[in-house]
C-alpha atoms as a PDB file:
ATOM      1  CA  MET A   1      20.324  60.359 -10.655  1.00  0.00           C
ATOM      2  CA  THR A   2      24.011  59.495 -10.500  1.00  0.00           C
ATOM      3  CA  ALA A   3      26.377  62.234 -11.023  1.00  0.00           C
ATOM      4  CA  ALA A   4      29.011  62.129 -13.485  1.00  0.00           C
ATOM      5  CA  VAL A   5      32.692  61.573 -12.141  1.00  0.00           C
ATOM      6  CA  ALA A   6      35.171  63.556 -13.748  1.00  0.00           C
ATOM      7  CA  ILE A   7      38.356  62.060 -14.562  1.00  0.00           C
ATOM      8  CA  ASP A   8      41.435  63.495 -14.556  1.00  0.00           C
ATOM      9  CA  PRO A   9      42.588  64.201 -18.336  1.00  0.00           C
ATOM     10  CA  ARG A  10      46.003  62.736 -17.490  1.00  0.00           C
ATOM     11  CA  LEU A  11      44.717  59.467 -15.990  1.00  0.00           C
ATOM     12  CA  ARG A  12      42.316  58.991 -19.518  1.00  0.00           C
ATOM     13  CA  ALA A  13      45.113  59.716 -21.704  1.00  0.00           C
ATOM     14  CA  ARG A  14      47.830  57.051 -19.493  1.00  0.00           C
ATOM     15  CA  ARG A  15      44.544  54.295 -20.267  1.00  0.00           C
ATOM     16  CA  THR A  16      44.348  55.343 -23.718  1.00  0.00           C
ATOM     17  CA  ALA A  17      48.278  54.707 -23.929  1.00  0.00           C
ATOM     18  CA  VAL A  18      47.579  51.278 -21.957  1.00  0.00           C
ATOM     19  CA  LEU A  19      44.758  50.025 -24.504  1.00  0.00           C
ATOM     20  CA  ARG A  20      46.782  51.199 -27.414  1.00  0.00           C
ATOM     21  CA  ALA A  21      50.137  49.663 -26.443  1.00  0.00           C
ATOM     22  CA  GLU A  22      48.256  45.754 -25.377  1.00  0.00           C
ATOM     23  CA  GLY A  23      46.815  46.369 -28.589  1.00  0.00           C
ATOM     24  CA  ARG A  24      50.059  46.584 -30.675  1.00  0.00           C
ATOM     25  CA  ARG A  25      51.518  43.938 -28.247  1.00  0.00           C
ATOM     26  CA  ARG A  26      48.525  41.617 -29.427  1.00  0.00           C
ATOM     27  CA  LEU A  27      48.763  42.517 -33.164  1.00  0.00           C
ATOM     28  CA  ARG A  28      52.746  41.646 -33.688  1.00  0.00           C
ATOM     29  CA  ILE A  29      51.534  38.086 -31.699  1.00  0.00           C
ATOM     30  CA  LEU A  30      49.274  37.611 -34.282  1.00  0.00           C
ATOM     31  CA  ILE A  31      51.345  38.472 -36.992  1.00  0.00           C
ATOM     32  CA  LEU A  32      54.204  36.208 -35.421  1.00  0.00           C
ATOM     33  CA  THR A  33      52.073  33.409 -35.287  1.00  0.00           C
ATOM     34  CA  LEU A  34      50.415  33.674 -38.202  1.00  0.00           C
ATOM     35  CA  ALA A  35      54.301  33.858 -39.883  1.00  0.00           C
ATOM     36  CA  VAL A  36      55.212  30.490 -37.753  1.00  0.00           C
ATOM     37  CA  MET A  37      52.383  28.978 -39.028  1.00  0.00           C
ATOM     38  CA  GLY A  38      52.632  30.094 -42.473  1.00  0.00           C
ATOM     39  CA  GLY A  39      56.282  28.420 -42.619  1.00  0.00           C
ATOM     40  CA  LEU A  40      55.821  25.485 -41.185  1.00  0.00           C
ATOM     41  CA  VAL A  41      52.688  24.783 -43.867  1.00  0.00           C
ATOM     42  CA  GLY A  42      55.348  26.235 -46.253  1.00  0.00           C
ATOM     43  CA  ALA A  43      57.979  23.864 -45.495  1.00  0.00           C
ATOM     44  CA  TRP A  44      55.673  21.074 -45.037  1.00  0.00           C
ATOM     45  CA  ALA A  45      54.271  21.579 -48.800  1.00  0.00           C
ATOM     46  CA  VAL A  46      58.179  21.783 -49.733  1.00  0.00           C
ATOM     47  CA  SER A  47      58.732  18.465 -48.086  1.00  0.00           C
ATOM     48  CA  ARG A  48      56.006  16.955 -50.262  1.00  0.00           C
ATOM     49  CA  SER A  49      56.662  18.706 -53.174  1.00  0.00           C
ATOM     50  CA  PRO A  50      58.790  16.909 -56.164  1.00  0.00           C
ATOM     51  CA  LEU A  51      61.551  19.295 -55.101  1.00  0.00           C
ATOM     52  CA  LEU A  52      62.353  17.172 -52.445  1.00  0.00           C
ATOM     53  CA  ASP A  53      61.262  13.467 -53.358  1.00  0.00           C
ATOM     54  CA  VAL A  54      63.857  10.900 -54.051  1.00  0.00           C
ATOM     55  CA  ASP A  55      64.966  11.110 -57.362  1.00  0.00           C
ATOM     56  CA  ARG A  56      67.930   8.066 -57.403  1.00  0.00           C
ATOM     57  CA  VAL A  57      68.883   5.385 -54.915  1.00  0.00           C
ATOM     58  CA  THR A  58      72.705   4.693 -54.696  1.00  0.00           C
ATOM     59  CA  ILE A  59      74.369   1.465 -53.522  1.00  0.00           C
ATOM     60  CA  SER A  60      77.908   1.087 -52.632  1.00  0.00           C
ATOM     61  CA  GLY A  61      80.005  -1.381 -51.474  1.00  0.00           C
ATOM     62  CA  VAL A  62      78.526  -4.541 -53.175  1.00  0.00           C
ATOM     63  CA  ASP A  63      78.403  -5.569 -56.960  1.00  0.00           C
ATOM     64  CA  ALA A  64      75.355  -5.054 -59.493  1.00  0.00           C
ATOM     65  CA  ALA A  65      73.708  -8.365 -58.924  1.00  0.00           C
ATOM     66  CA  ASP A  66      73.937  -8.108 -54.813  1.00  0.00           C
ATOM     67  CA  ALA A  67      72.990  -4.367 -55.051  1.00  0.00           C
ATOM     68  CA  ALA A  68      69.503  -5.244 -56.433  1.00  0.00           C
ATOM     69  CA  LEU A  69      68.792  -7.194 -53.788  1.00  0.00           C
ATOM     70  CA  VAL A  70      69.875  -4.222 -51.550  1.00  0.00           C
ATOM     71  CA  ARG A  71      67.495  -2.155 -52.822  1.00  0.00           C
ATOM     72  CA  GLN A  72      64.671  -4.539 -53.126  1.00  0.00           C
ATOM     73  CA  ALA A  73      65.416  -4.966 -49.352  1.00  0.00           C
ATOM     74  CA  ALA A  74      65.465  -1.041 -48.520  1.00  0.00           C
ATOM     75  CA  GLY A  75      61.762  -0.901 -49.947  1.00  0.00           C
ATOM     76  CA  VAL A  76      63.052   3.181 -51.195  1.00  0.00           C
ATOM     77  CA  ALA A  77      60.816   4.298 -54.021  1.00  0.00           C
ATOM     78  CA  GLU A  78      61.628   7.079 -56.331  1.00  0.00           C
ATOM     79  CA  GLY A  79      58.933   9.798 -55.775  1.00  0.00           C
ATOM     80  CA  GLU A  80      59.037   9.000 -52.023  1.00  0.00           C
ATOM     81  CA  PRO A  81      59.535  12.468 -49.824  1.00  0.00           C
ATOM     82  CA  LEU A  82      63.029  12.513 -48.967  1.00  0.00           C
ATOM     83  CA  LEU A  83      62.424  14.084 -45.379  1.00  0.00           C
ATOM     84  CA  GLY A  84      59.939  11.769 -44.458  1.00  0.00           C
ATOM     85  CA  LEU A  85      62.672   8.412 -44.833  1.00  0.00           C
ATOM     86  CA  ASP A  86      63.262   6.634 -41.878  1.00  0.00           C
ATOM     87  CA  SER A  87      67.036   5.931 -42.007  1.00  0.00           C
ATOM     88  CA  THR A  88      67.175   3.529 -39.394  1.00  0.00           C
ATOM     89  CA  ALA A  89      64.157   1.476 -40.607  1.00  0.00           C
ATOM     90  CA  ILE A  90      66.017   1.029 -43.912  1.00  0.00           C
ATOM     91  CA  GLU A  91      69.223   0.008 -42.220  1.00  0.00           C
ATOM     92  CA  ARG A  92      67.795  -2.969 -40.327  1.00  0.00           C
ATOM     93  CA  ALA A  93      66.041  -3.935 -43.164  1.00  0.00           C
ATOM     94  CA  VAL A  94      68.989  -4.235 -45.140  1.00  0.00           C
ATOM     95  CA  SER A  95      71.258  -5.794 -42.075  1.00  0.00           C
ATOM     96  CA  GLY A  96      68.549  -8.025 -42.248  1.00  0.00           C
ATOM     97  CA  LEU A  97      70.151  -9.712 -45.191  1.00  0.00           C
ATOM     98  CA  ALA A  98      72.073 -12.992 -44.320  1.00  0.00           C
ATOM     99  CA  TRP A  99      75.617 -11.602 -46.154  1.00  0.00           C
ATOM    100  CA  VAL A 100      75.153  -8.119 -44.797  1.00  0.00           C
ATOM    101  CA  ALA A 101      76.852  -7.234 -41.462  1.00  0.00           C
ATOM    102  CA  GLY A 102      76.011  -3.535 -41.999  1.00  0.00           C
ATOM    103  CA  ALA A 103      74.569  -0.801 -43.530  1.00  0.00           C
ATOM    104  CA  ARG A 104      74.035   3.193 -43.288  1.00  0.00           C
ATOM    105  CA  VAL A 105      71.816   5.528 -44.826  1.00  0.00           C
ATOM    106  CA  HIS A 106      72.391   8.888 -45.848  1.00  0.00           C
ATOM    107  CA  ARG A 107      70.160  11.489 -47.385  1.00  0.00           C
ATOM    108  CA  ASP A 108      71.948  13.429 -50.021  1.00  0.00           C
ATOM    109  CA  TRP A 109      69.736  16.889 -50.747  1.00  0.00           C
ATOM    110  CA  PRO A 110      68.056  17.679 -52.510  1.00  0.00           C
ATOM    111  CA  GLY A 111      66.921  14.031 -53.990  1.00  0.00           C
ATOM    112  CA  THR A 112      69.574  11.396 -53.394  1.00  0.00           C
ATOM    113  CA  VAL A 113      69.536   8.007 -51.099  1.00  0.00           C
ATOM    114  CA  SER A 114      72.780   6.493 -50.499  1.00  0.00           C
ATOM    115  CA  ILE A 115      73.222   3.277 -48.794  1.00  0.00           C
ATOM    116  CA  GLU A 116      76.750   2.059 -48.010  1.00  0.00           C
ATOM    117  CA  VAL A 117      77.458  -1.732 -47.763  1.00  0.00           C
ATOM    118  CA  VAL A 118      79.357  -3.677 -45.585  1.00  0.00           C
ATOM    119  CA  PRO A 119      78.936  -6.780 -46.452  1.00  0.00           C
ATOM    120  CA  ARG A 120      80.021 -10.263 -44.576  1.00  0.00           C
ATOM    121  CA  VAL A 121      83.443 -11.465 -45.546  1.00  0.00           C
ATOM    122  CA  PRO A 122      83.312 -15.389 -45.930  1.00  0.00           C
ATOM    123  CA  VAL A 123      86.482 -17.226 -44.133  1.00  0.00           C
ATOM    124  CA  ALA A 124      85.306 -20.821 -44.114  1.00  0.00           C
ATOM    125  CA  VAL A 125      82.730 -23.744 -45.825  1.00  0.00           C
ATOM    126  CA  VAL A 126      80.788 -25.803 -43.936  1.00  0.00           C
ATOM    127  CA  PRO A 127      78.421 -28.979 -44.792  1.00  0.00           C
ATOM    128  CA  SER A 128      74.916 -28.159 -45.323  1.00  0.00           C
ATOM    129  CA  GLY A 129      71.851 -30.055 -46.601  1.00  0.00           C
ATOM    130  CA  GLY A 130      74.315 -32.170 -49.263  1.00  0.00           C
ATOM    131  CA  GLY A 131      76.380 -28.832 -50.346  1.00  0.00           C
ATOM    132  CA  LEU A 132      78.628 -26.505 -48.706  1.00  0.00           C
ATOM    133  CA  ALA A 133      77.313 -22.772 -46.684  1.00  0.00           C
ATOM    134  CA  LEU A 134      79.868 -20.027 -46.047  1.00  0.00           C
ATOM    135  CA  LEU A 135      80.682 -18.801 -42.847  1.00  0.00           C
ATOM    136  CA  ASP A 136      82.053 -15.788 -41.677  1.00  0.00           C
ATOM    137  CA  ALA A 137      84.566 -14.767 -38.765  1.00  0.00           C
ATOM    138  CA  ASP A 138      82.026 -14.815 -36.227  1.00  0.00           C
ATOM    139  CA  GLY A 139      80.276 -17.750 -37.529  1.00  0.00           C
ATOM    140  CA  TYR A 140      77.346 -16.227 -39.154  1.00  0.00           C
ATOM    141  CA  VAL A 141      75.964 -18.159 -42.168  1.00  0.00           C
ATOM    142  CA  ILE A 142      76.521 -16.381 -45.070  1.00  0.00           C
ATOM    143  CA  GLY A 143      74.567 -18.743 -47.859  1.00  0.00           C
ATOM    144  CA  PRO A 144      75.058 -21.685 -50.063  1.00  0.00           C
ATOM    145  CA  ALA A 145      78.915 -21.818 -51.424  1.00  0.00           C
ATOM    146  CA  PRO A 146      79.276 -21.305 -54.862  1.00  0.00           C
ATOM    147  CA  LEU A 147      80.958 -24.041 -56.782  1.00  0.00           C
ATOM    148  CA  GLY A 148      85.349 -23.811 -56.895  1.00  0.00           C
ATOM    149  CA  VAL A 149      85.218 -22.095 -53.846  1.00  0.00           C
ATOM    150  CA  ASP A 150      88.603 -21.776 -52.583  1.00  0.00           C
ATOM    151  CA  LEU A 151      88.408 -21.865 -48.640  1.00  0.00           C
ATOM    152  CA  PRO A 152      89.107 -23.773 -45.661  1.00  0.00           C
ATOM    153  CA  LEU A 153      86.518 -26.657 -44.706  1.00  0.00           C
ATOM    154  CA  ILE A 154      85.382 -26.920 -41.372  1.00  0.00           C
ATOM    155  CA  ALA A 155      83.814 -30.300 -40.688  1.00  0.00           C
ATOM    156  CA  VAL A 156      81.110 -29.590 -38.799  1.00  0.00           C
ATOM    157  CA  GLU A 157      77.436 -30.340 -40.421  1.00  0.00           C
ATOM    158  CA  LEU A 158      75.656 -27.054 -40.086  1.00  0.00           C
ATOM    159  CA  ASP A 159      71.946 -26.748 -39.153  1.00  0.00           C
ATOM    160  CA  GLU A 160      71.372 -23.167 -38.607  1.00  0.00           C
ATOM    161  CA  GLU A 161      69.651 -21.296 -41.537  1.00  0.00           C
ATOM    162  CA  PRO A 162      71.322 -18.216 -43.231  1.00  0.00           C
ATOM    163  CA  GLY A 163      71.791 -14.948 -40.614  1.00  0.00           C
ATOM    164  CA  ALA A 164      72.097 -17.448 -37.787  1.00  0.00           C
ATOM    165  CA  VAL A 165      75.410 -18.483 -35.709  1.00  0.00           C
ATOM    166  CA  HIS A 166      76.925 -21.715 -36.121  1.00  0.00           C
ATOM    167  CA  THR A 167      77.892 -21.427 -32.390  1.00  0.00           C
ATOM    168  CA  ASP A 168      79.686 -25.393 -32.995  1.00  0.00           C
ATOM    169  CA  ALA A 169      81.944 -24.028 -35.593  1.00  0.00           C
ATOM    170  CA  VAL A 170      83.279 -20.939 -33.237  1.00  0.00           C
ATOM    171  CA  GLY A 171      86.402 -23.030 -32.233  1.00  0.00           C
ATOM    172  CA  ALA A 172      87.291 -24.229 -35.462  1.00  0.00           C
ATOM    173  CA  LEU A 173      86.878 -20.989 -37.274  1.00  0.00           C
ATOM    174  CA  ALA A 174      89.365 -19.434 -33.698  1.00  0.00           C
ATOM    175  CA  VAL A 175      91.900 -21.675 -35.689  1.00  0.00           C
ATOM    176  CA  VAL A 176      91.427 -20.490 -39.201  1.00  0.00           C
ATOM    177  CA  ALA A 177      91.943 -17.209 -38.000  1.00  0.00           C
ATOM    178  CA  ALA A 178      95.553 -18.241 -36.303  1.00  0.00           C
ATOM    179  CA  LEU A 179      96.463 -20.495 -39.743  1.00  0.00           C
ATOM    180  CA  PRO A 180      98.819 -18.621 -41.668  1.00  0.00           C
ATOM    181  CA  ASP A 181      99.349 -19.466 -45.831  1.00  0.00           C
ATOM    182  CA  ASP A 182     101.870 -22.080 -45.514  1.00  0.00           C
ATOM    183  CA  LEU A 183     100.116 -24.207 -42.895  1.00  0.00           C
ATOM    184  CA  GLU A 184      96.591 -23.749 -44.239  1.00  0.00           C
ATOM    185  CA  THR A 185      97.712 -25.672 -47.845  1.00  0.00           C
ATOM    186  CA  TRP A 186      98.447 -28.488 -45.244  1.00  0.00           C
ATOM    187  CA  VAL A 187      95.115 -28.231 -43.743  1.00  0.00           C
ATOM    188  CA  THR A 188      92.451 -30.572 -45.465  1.00  0.00           C
ATOM    189  CA  ALA A 189      89.436 -29.886 -42.557  1.00  0.00           C
ATOM    190  CA  ILE A 190      88.989 -28.815 -39.729  1.00  0.00           C
ATOM    191  CA  VAL A 191      87.076 -31.063 -37.448  1.00  0.00           C
ATOM    192  CA  ASN A 192      85.631 -30.761 -33.707  1.00  0.00           C
ATOM    193  CA  LEU A 193      87.598 -33.658 -31.820  1.00  0.00           C
ATOM    194  CA  ALA A 194      84.918 -35.838 -29.310  1.00  0.00           C
ATOM    195  CA  SER A 195      87.589 -35.674 -27.150  1.00  0.00           C
ATOM    196  CA  GLY A 196      86.937 -31.829 -26.893  1.00  0.00           C
ATOM    197  CA  GLY A 197      89.157 -29.361 -28.969  1.00  0.00           C
ATOM    198  CA  VAL A 198      89.959 -28.848 -32.760  1.00  0.00           C
ATOM    199  CA  GLY A 199      91.779 -31.183 -34.856  1.00  0.00           C
ATOM    200  CA  LEU A 200      93.213 -30.728 -38.156  1.00  0.00           C
ATOM    201  CA  GLU A 201      93.132 -33.275 -40.663  1.00  0.00           C
ATOM    202  CA  LEU A 202      96.722 -32.733 -43.011  1.00  0.00           C
ATOM    203  CA  VAL A 203      97.532 -33.827 -46.330  1.00  0.00           C
ATOM    204  CA  GLY A 204      98.711 -37.330 -46.395  1.00  0.00           C
ATOM    205  CA  GLY A 205      96.286 -38.591 -44.076  1.00  0.00           C
ATOM    206  CA  ALA A 206      97.822 -37.679 -40.716  1.00  0.00           C
ATOM    207  CA  SER A 207      96.532 -35.413 -38.164  1.00  0.00           C
ATOM    208  CA  ALA A 208      97.277 -32.422 -35.651  1.00  0.00           C
ATOM    209  CA  ILE A 209      95.947 -32.200 -32.141  1.00  0.00           C
ATOM    210  CA  MET A 210      94.838 -28.660 -31.433  1.00  0.00           C
ATOM    211  CA  GLY A 211      93.069 -28.955 -28.338  1.00  0.00           C
ATOM    212  CA  GLU A 212      91.470 -26.044 -27.205  1.00  0.00           C
ATOM    213  CA  PRO A 213      91.326 -23.232 -28.863  1.00  0.00           C
ATOM    214  CA  VAL A 214      93.842 -21.330 -26.652  1.00  0.00           C
ATOM    215  CA  ARG A 215      97.570 -20.413 -27.287  1.00  0.00           C
ATOM    216  CA  LEU A 216      97.461 -20.676 -30.624  1.00  0.00           C
ATOM    217  CA  ASP A 217     100.172 -18.976 -31.832  1.00  0.00           C
ATOM    218  CA  SER A 218     102.343 -20.828 -29.914  1.00  0.00           C
ATOM    219  CA  LYS A 219     100.533 -24.150 -31.189  1.00  0.00           C
ATOM    220  CA  VAL A 220     100.994 -22.909 -34.446  1.00  0.00           C
ATOM    221  CA  THR A 221     104.504 -22.352 -34.441  1.00  0.00           C
ATOM    222  CA  ALA A 222     104.773 -26.092 -32.693  1.00  0.00           C
ATOM    223  CA  LEU A 223     102.715 -27.789 -36.032  1.00  0.00           C
ATOM    224  CA  ARG A 224     105.072 -25.797 -38.082  1.00  0.00           C
ATOM    225  CA  SER A 225     108.035 -26.719 -36.593  1.00  0.00           C
ATOM    226  CA  VAL A 226     107.010 -30.482 -37.055  1.00  0.00           C
ATOM    227  CA  LEU A 227     105.764 -30.138 -40.562  1.00  0.00           C
ATOM    228  CA  PHE A 228     108.472 -28.531 -41.837  1.00  0.00           C
ATOM    229  CA  GLY A 229     111.427 -29.801 -39.913  1.00  0.00           C
ATOM    230  CA  VAL A 230     110.998 -33.251 -39.132  1.00  0.00           C
ATOM    231  CA  ASP A 231     110.805 -36.494 -41.086  1.00  0.00           C
ATOM    232  CA  LEU A 232     106.818 -37.021 -41.716  1.00  0.00           C
ATOM    233  CA  THR A 233     107.222 -40.538 -42.786  1.00  0.00           C
ATOM    234  CA  CYS A 234     104.805 -42.853 -41.676  1.00  0.00           C
ATOM    235  CA  VAL A 235     103.427 -39.611 -39.321  1.00  0.00           C
ATOM    236  CA  SER A 236      99.957 -40.219 -38.193  1.00  0.00           C
ATOM    237  CA  THR A 237      99.525 -37.568 -35.227  1.00  0.00           C
ATOM    238  CA  ILE A 238     100.879 -34.500 -34.238  1.00  0.00           C
ATOM    239  CA  ASP A 239     100.015 -33.458 -30.864  1.00  0.00           C
ATOM    240  CA  VAL A 240     100.543 -30.028 -30.530  1.00  0.00           C
ATOM    241  CA  THR A 241      97.829 -29.507 -27.319  1.00  0.00           C
ATOM    242  CA  MET A 242     100.811 -28.268 -25.080  1.00  0.00           C
ATOM    243  CA  ALA A 243     102.786 -26.500 -27.725  1.00  0.00           C
ATOM    244  CA  ASP A 244     106.682 -27.152 -25.362  1.00  0.00           C
ATOM    245  CA  LEU A 245     105.697 -30.662 -25.539  1.00  0.00           C
ATOM    246  CA  THR A 246     104.969 -31.842 -28.765  1.00  0.00           C
ATOM    247  CA  THR A 247     104.014 -35.313 -29.732  1.00  0.00           C
ATOM    248  CA  VAL A 248     104.699 -37.023 -32.760  1.00  0.00           C
ATOM    249  CA  THR A 249     102.874 -40.560 -33.296  1.00  0.00           C
ATOM    250  CA  ARG A 250     104.252 -42.373 -36.855  1.00  0.00           C
ATOM    251  CA  ASP A 251     101.949 -45.593 -37.965  1.00  0.00           C
ATOM    252  CA  GLN A 252     103.699 -48.598 -36.752  1.00  0.00           C
ATOM    253  CA  LEU A 253     102.385 -50.681 -39.757  1.00  0.00           C
ATOM    254  CA  CYS A 254     103.937 -48.286 -41.933  1.00  0.00           C
ATOM    255  CA  LEU A 255     107.375 -48.828 -40.852  1.00  0.00           C
ATOM    256  CA  LEU A 256     107.581 -52.399 -41.232  1.00  0.00           C
ATOM    257  CA  PRO A 257     109.710 -53.414 -44.520  1.00  0.00           C
ATOM    258  CA  ALA A 258     107.837 -54.463 -47.222  1.00  0.00           C
ATOM    259  CA  GLY A 259     107.249 -57.613 -48.258  1.00  0.00           C
END
């Protein structure tokens, strides 16, 4: 028969206090866990509720016709959970439109999606499939040019699809960017020369040889000096490849007396 071991009342009281403290700690942890889980479930439920659904989609930076294309590309439908929208994917989809340079998507709580569109700005046209196509300053093909568009013509045939870069027109586009308005009116077309570099076809049938698209400010100044300061009778070629040594060639047959 085992004899009972007497326990000091102070030790028994201490053990009881420790057990009760541990129980209270576990209860607090349980309550806190349940509260966090409840909050998460509540937040999930709210995010999926009509309170935070997409009520409207606003599009800025384009006209109404292009806004419809942006809306279609974005693929955001009213009633979708606003919290679950992938803004990056929407921006990527909208930027995939050939005429869009960039897009930003904002969620405006509680129910609006705002899409800011930066369209590409056409600066020139190029021959394409029997018509004309628009190019921006970086050479991106925007799409078909509307009838009557008044932009410089780069006579470099286009093979690329909208959204691609017309690399063969990059040098000509640099010249377009350098041409002031008063000289642009003289230019009927910008061409790539067989000898290399860029040339201009001018009103009246003359041409200007610009050479490689470097030091264009100096070359433009030299070309202006000829067009506005020299007798242009029978001029056939203006060579500003070396701006400091501009040469003017005249058509000798044109100089012959009539009759």
